[in-house]
């Protein structure tokens, strides 16, 4: 990780291919940084699962496996926050219109739980449409209890 000009925040950035192999790479890089930040096994598992879900969504739903599009992974550590941003270059989507994964008719579906899991495993999650194209998911885990 590198420190910014102010010296307080450390940031690591990677551009990944739109393949499922990138999911494993993103998780490994993130977990290495999270471990360095002092997280223990339970939180490491949560962070890893949330990042996997975000990168799978970026590859599959955002970039649609396009070899011409990249997934941007940005990991930063500031005072009491460990933050991971995952951005794709897709068309974006309406996350407010997603079906409830806990509704009876959705329980047996093979997909549709990613954002639900990210919300469950992280302390904060923000989803926004990028100005040019694609979606950016920001995942935050506090380094100290609130």
C-alpha atoms as a PDB file:
ATOM      1  CA  UNK A   1       0.000   0.000   0.000  1.00  0.00           C
ATOM      2  CA  UNK A   2       1.121   3.549  -0.536  1.00  0.00           C
ATOM      3  CA  UNK A   3       0.453   6.559   1.669  1.00  0.00           C
ATOM      4  CA  UNK A   4      -1.229   9.608   0.224  1.00  0.00           C
ATOM      5  CA  UNK A   5       0.309  13.092   0.362  1.00  0.00           C
ATOM      6  CA  UNK A   6      -1.273  13.720   3.777  1.00  0.00           C
ATOM      7  CA  UNK A   7       0.417  10.596   5.120  1.00  0.00           C
ATOM      8  CA  UNK A   8      -2.684   9.190   6.825  1.00  0.00           C
ATOM      9  CA  UNK A   9      -4.328   6.855   4.356  1.00  0.00           C
ATOM     10  CA  UNK A  10      -2.675   3.841   2.774  1.00  0.00           C
ATOM     11  CA  UNK A  11      -4.090   2.824  -0.622  1.00  0.00           C
ATOM     12  CA  UNK A  12      -3.568  -0.156  -2.913  1.00  0.00           C
ATOM     13  CA  UNK A  13      -5.102  -0.269  -6.383  1.00  0.00           C
ATOM     14  CA  UNK A  14      -5.390  -3.080  -8.922  1.00  0.00           C
ATOM     15  CA  UNK A  15      -7.047  -3.369 -12.322  1.00  0.00           C
ATOM     16  CA  UNK A  16      -8.330  -6.888 -12.893  1.00  0.00           C
ATOM     17  CA  UNK A  17      -9.541  -8.748 -15.963  1.00  0.00           C
ATOM     18  CA  UNK A  18     -13.236  -9.544 -16.209  1.00  0.00           C
ATOM     19  CA  UNK A  19     -12.785 -13.220 -15.396  1.00  0.00           C
ATOM     20  CA  UNK A  20     -13.741 -15.335 -12.410  1.00  0.00           C
ATOM     21  CA  UNK A  21     -10.010 -15.924 -11.770  1.00  0.00           C
ATOM     22  CA  UNK A  22      -9.884 -12.253 -10.800  1.00  0.00           C
ATOM     23  CA  UNK A  23     -12.272 -12.968  -7.927  1.00  0.00           C
ATOM     24  CA  UNK A  24      -9.651 -15.126  -6.211  1.00  0.00           C
ATOM     25  CA  UNK A  25      -6.920 -12.540  -6.853  1.00  0.00           C
ATOM     26  CA  UNK A  26      -9.069  -9.716  -5.456  1.00  0.00           C
ATOM     27  CA  UNK A  27      -9.893 -11.711  -2.345  1.00  0.00           C
ATOM     28  CA  UNK A  28      -6.251 -12.666  -1.744  1.00  0.00           C
ATOM     29  CA  UNK A  29      -4.961  -9.092  -2.113  1.00  0.00           C
ATOM     30  CA  UNK A  30      -7.733  -7.751   0.112  1.00  0.00           C
ATOM     31  CA  UNK A  31      -7.226 -10.356   2.816  1.00  0.00           C
ATOM     32  CA  UNK A  32      -3.502  -9.711   2.883  1.00  0.00           C
ATOM     33  CA  UNK A  33      -4.182  -5.993   3.433  1.00  0.00           C
ATOM     34  CA  UNK A  34      -6.917  -6.697   6.011  1.00  0.00           C
ATOM     35  CA  UNK A  35      -4.637  -9.009   7.952  1.00  0.00           C
ATOM     36  CA  UNK A  36      -1.934  -6.337   7.921  1.00  0.00           C
ATOM     37  CA  UNK A  37      -4.571  -3.894   9.234  1.00  0.00           C
ATOM     38  CA  UNK A  38      -5.061  -6.173  12.240  1.00  0.00           C
ATOM     39  CA  UNK A  39      -8.316  -7.991  11.519  1.00  0.00           C
ATOM     40  CA  UNK A  40      -8.796 -11.415  13.050  1.00  0.00           C
ATOM     41  CA  UNK A  41     -10.137 -14.576  11.418  1.00  0.00           C
ATOM     42  CA  UNK A  42     -13.867 -13.913  11.827  1.00  0.00           C
ATOM     43  CA  UNK A  43     -13.637 -10.451  10.262  1.00  0.00           C
ATOM     44  CA  UNK A  44     -11.227 -11.693   7.599  1.00  0.00           C
ATOM     45  CA  UNK A  45     -13.818 -14.278   6.533  1.00  0.00           C
ATOM     46  CA  UNK A  46     -16.526 -11.591   6.353  1.00  0.00           C
ATOM     47  CA  UNK A  47     -14.354  -9.183   4.396  1.00  0.00           C
ATOM     48  CA  UNK A  48     -13.281 -11.952   2.013  1.00  0.00           C
ATOM     49  CA  UNK A  49     -16.865 -13.027   1.319  1.00  0.00           C
ATOM     50  CA  UNK A  50     -18.052  -9.440   0.759  1.00  0.00           C
ATOM     51  CA  UNK A  51     -15.200  -8.734  -1.675  1.00  0.00           C
ATOM     52  CA  UNK A  52     -15.866 -11.994  -3.533  1.00  0.00           C
ATOM     53  CA  UNK A  53     -19.531 -11.044  -3.964  1.00  0.00           C
ATOM     54  CA  UNK A  54     -18.672  -7.524  -5.147  1.00  0.00           C
ATOM     55  CA  UNK A  55     -16.090  -8.715  -7.686  1.00  0.00           C
ATOM     56  CA  UNK A  56     -18.325 -11.528  -8.983  1.00  0.00           C
ATOM     57  CA  UNK A  57     -21.078  -8.951  -9.533  1.00  0.00           C
ATOM     58  CA  UNK A  58     -18.626  -6.641 -11.336  1.00  0.00           C
ATOM     59  CA  UNK A  59     -17.329  -9.413 -13.612  1.00  0.00           C
ATOM     60  CA  UNK A  60     -20.631 -11.190 -14.328  1.00  0.00           C
ATOM     61  CA  UNK A  61     -23.336  -8.512 -14.179  1.00  0.00           C
ATOM     62  CA  UNK A  62     -21.330  -5.328 -14.758  1.00  0.00           C
ATOM     63  CA  UNK A  63     -18.679  -6.160 -17.326  1.00  0.00           C
ATOM     64  CA  UNK A  64     -20.394  -9.334 -18.548  1.00  0.00           C
ATOM     65  CA  UNK A  65     -17.027 -11.121 -18.848  1.00  0.00           C
ATOM     66  CA  UNK A  66     -15.871  -8.612 -21.497  1.00  0.00           C
ATOM     67  CA  UNK A  67     -12.156  -8.924 -22.184  1.00  0.00           C
ATOM     68  CA  UNK A  68     -12.195  -5.212 -23.062  1.00  0.00           C
ATOM     69  CA  UNK A  69     -13.415  -4.106 -19.619  1.00  0.00           C
ATOM     70  CA  UNK A  70     -11.594  -4.059 -16.293  1.00  0.00           C
ATOM     71  CA  UNK A  71     -12.610  -4.308 -12.665  1.00  0.00           C
ATOM     72  CA  UNK A  72     -10.938  -1.709 -10.469  1.00  0.00           C
ATOM     73  CA  UNK A  73     -10.097  -2.795  -6.930  1.00  0.00           C
ATOM     74  CA  UNK A  74      -9.040  -0.088  -4.486  1.00  0.00           C
ATOM     75  CA  UNK A  75      -8.148  -0.918  -0.877  1.00  0.00           C
ATOM     76  CA  UNK A  76      -7.448   1.771   1.674  1.00  0.00           C
ATOM     77  CA  UNK A  77      -6.798   1.900   5.376  1.00  0.00           C
ATOM     78  CA  UNK A  78      -7.371   5.070   7.346  1.00  0.00           C
ATOM     79  CA  UNK A  79      -7.585   5.712  11.085  1.00  0.00           C
ATOM     80  CA  UNK A  80     -10.516   3.449  11.994  1.00  0.00           C
ATOM     81  CA  UNK A  81     -11.746   2.354   8.574  1.00  0.00           C
ATOM     82  CA  UNK A  82     -10.701  -0.384   6.173  1.00  0.00           C
ATOM     83  CA  UNK A  83     -12.307   0.406   2.823  1.00  0.00           C
ATOM     84  CA  UNK A  84     -12.575  -1.611  -0.375  1.00  0.00           C
ATOM     85  CA  UNK A  85     -13.968  -0.148  -3.596  1.00  0.00           C
ATOM     86  CA  UNK A  86     -14.910  -2.362  -6.530  1.00  0.00           C
ATOM     87  CA  UNK A  87     -15.803  -0.658  -9.814  1.00  0.00           C
ATOM     88  CA  UNK A  88     -16.890  -2.105 -13.124  1.00  0.00           C
ATOM     89  CA  UNK A  89     -17.267  -0.588 -16.597  1.00  0.00           C
ATOM     90  CA  UNK A  90     -20.765  -1.893 -17.283  1.00  0.00           C
ATOM     91  CA  UNK A  91     -24.058  -0.140 -17.885  1.00  0.00           C
ATOM     92  CA  UNK A  92     -24.963   0.199 -14.210  1.00  0.00           C
ATOM     93  CA  UNK A  93     -28.180  -0.998 -12.623  1.00  0.00           C
ATOM     94  CA  UNK A  94     -31.000   0.049 -10.307  1.00  0.00           C
ATOM     95  CA  UNK A  95     -29.995  -1.502  -6.974  1.00  0.00           C
ATOM     96  CA  UNK A  96     -33.138  -0.144  -5.331  1.00  0.00           C
ATOM     97  CA  UNK A  97     -35.222  -2.403  -7.565  1.00  0.00           C
ATOM     98  CA  UNK A  98     -33.529  -5.658  -6.591  1.00  0.00           C
ATOM     99  CA  UNK A  99     -35.850  -8.397  -5.365  1.00  0.00           C
ATOM    100  CA  UNK A 100     -35.777  -9.348  -1.688  1.00  0.00           C
ATOM    101  CA  UNK A 101     -33.524 -12.437  -1.444  1.00  0.00           C
ATOM    102  CA  UNK A 102     -35.431 -13.569   1.655  1.00  0.00           C
ATOM    103  CA  UNK A 103     -38.841 -13.539  -0.043  1.00  0.00           C
ATOM    104  CA  UNK A 104     -40.313 -17.015  -0.375  1.00  0.00           C
ATOM    105  CA  UNK A 105     -40.235 -16.945  -4.192  1.00  0.00           C
ATOM    106  CA  UNK A 106     -36.501 -16.087  -4.183  1.00  0.00           C
ATOM    107  CA  UNK A 107     -35.182 -18.533  -1.591  1.00  0.00           C
ATOM    108  CA  UNK A 108     -34.251 -21.244  -4.085  1.00  0.00           C
ATOM    109  CA  UNK A 109     -32.794 -18.937  -6.750  1.00  0.00           C
ATOM    110  CA  UNK A 110     -29.143 -19.578  -7.560  1.00  0.00           C
ATOM    111  CA  UNK A 111     -28.282 -15.865  -7.506  1.00  0.00           C
ATOM    112  CA  UNK A 112     -29.494 -12.594  -6.048  1.00  0.00           C
ATOM    113  CA  UNK A 113     -27.922 -12.627  -2.572  1.00  0.00           C
ATOM    114  CA  UNK A 114     -24.654 -10.770  -3.191  1.00  0.00           C
ATOM    115  CA  UNK A 115     -25.663  -7.319  -2.000  1.00  0.00           C
ATOM    116  CA  UNK A 116     -27.592  -8.841   0.902  1.00  0.00           C
ATOM    117  CA  UNK A 117     -24.431 -10.690   2.002  1.00  0.00           C
ATOM    118  CA  UNK A 118     -22.234  -7.614   1.569  1.00  0.00           C
ATOM    119  CA  UNK A 119     -24.587  -5.657   3.831  1.00  0.00           C
ATOM    120  CA  UNK A 120     -24.553  -8.468   6.409  1.00  0.00           C
ATOM    121  CA  UNK A 121     -20.763  -8.827   6.510  1.00  0.00           C
ATOM    122  CA  UNK A 122     -19.590  -5.214   6.371  1.00  0.00           C
ATOM    123  CA  UNK A 123     -20.220  -2.214   8.623  1.00  0.00           C
ATOM    124  CA  UNK A 124     -21.070   0.076   5.710  1.00  0.00           C
ATOM    125  CA  UNK A 125     -21.858  -0.452   2.051  1.00  0.00           C
ATOM    126  CA  UNK A 126     -22.507   2.163  -0.591  1.00  0.00           C
ATOM    127  CA  UNK A 127     -23.481   1.513  -4.196  1.00  0.00           C
ATOM    128  CA  UNK A 128     -23.343   4.278  -6.743  1.00  0.00           C
ATOM    129  CA  UNK A 129     -23.357   4.696 -10.486  1.00  0.00           C
ATOM    130  CA  UNK A 130     -20.093   6.046 -11.863  1.00  0.00           C
ATOM    131  CA  UNK A 131     -20.250   9.334 -13.739  1.00  0.00           C
ATOM    132  CA  UNK A 132     -19.008   7.821 -17.004  1.00  0.00           C
ATOM    133  CA  UNK A 133     -20.200   4.211 -16.831  1.00  0.00           C
ATOM    134  CA  UNK A 134     -20.449   1.286 -14.490  1.00  0.00           C
ATOM    135  CA  UNK A 135     -21.090   0.832 -10.822  1.00  0.00           C
ATOM    136  CA  UNK A 136     -18.895   1.347  -7.782  1.00  0.00           C
ATOM    137  CA  UNK A 137     -19.429  -0.602  -4.575  1.00  0.00           C
ATOM    138  CA  UNK A 138     -17.744   0.718  -1.435  1.00  0.00           C
ATOM    139  CA  UNK A 139     -17.340  -1.716   1.454  1.00  0.00           C
ATOM    140  CA  UNK A 140     -16.229  -0.499   4.897  1.00  0.00           C
ATOM    141  CA  UNK A 141     -15.182  -2.464   7.964  1.00  0.00           C
ATOM    142  CA  UNK A 142     -14.283  -0.569  11.129  1.00  0.00           C
ATOM    143  CA  UNK A 143     -10.895  -1.386  12.562  1.00  0.00           C
ATOM    144  CA  UNK A 144     -12.119  -0.651  16.065  1.00  0.00           C
ATOM    145  CA  UNK A 145     -15.502  -1.354  17.613  1.00  0.00           C
ATOM    146  CA  UNK A 146     -18.057   1.438  17.653  1.00  0.00           C
END
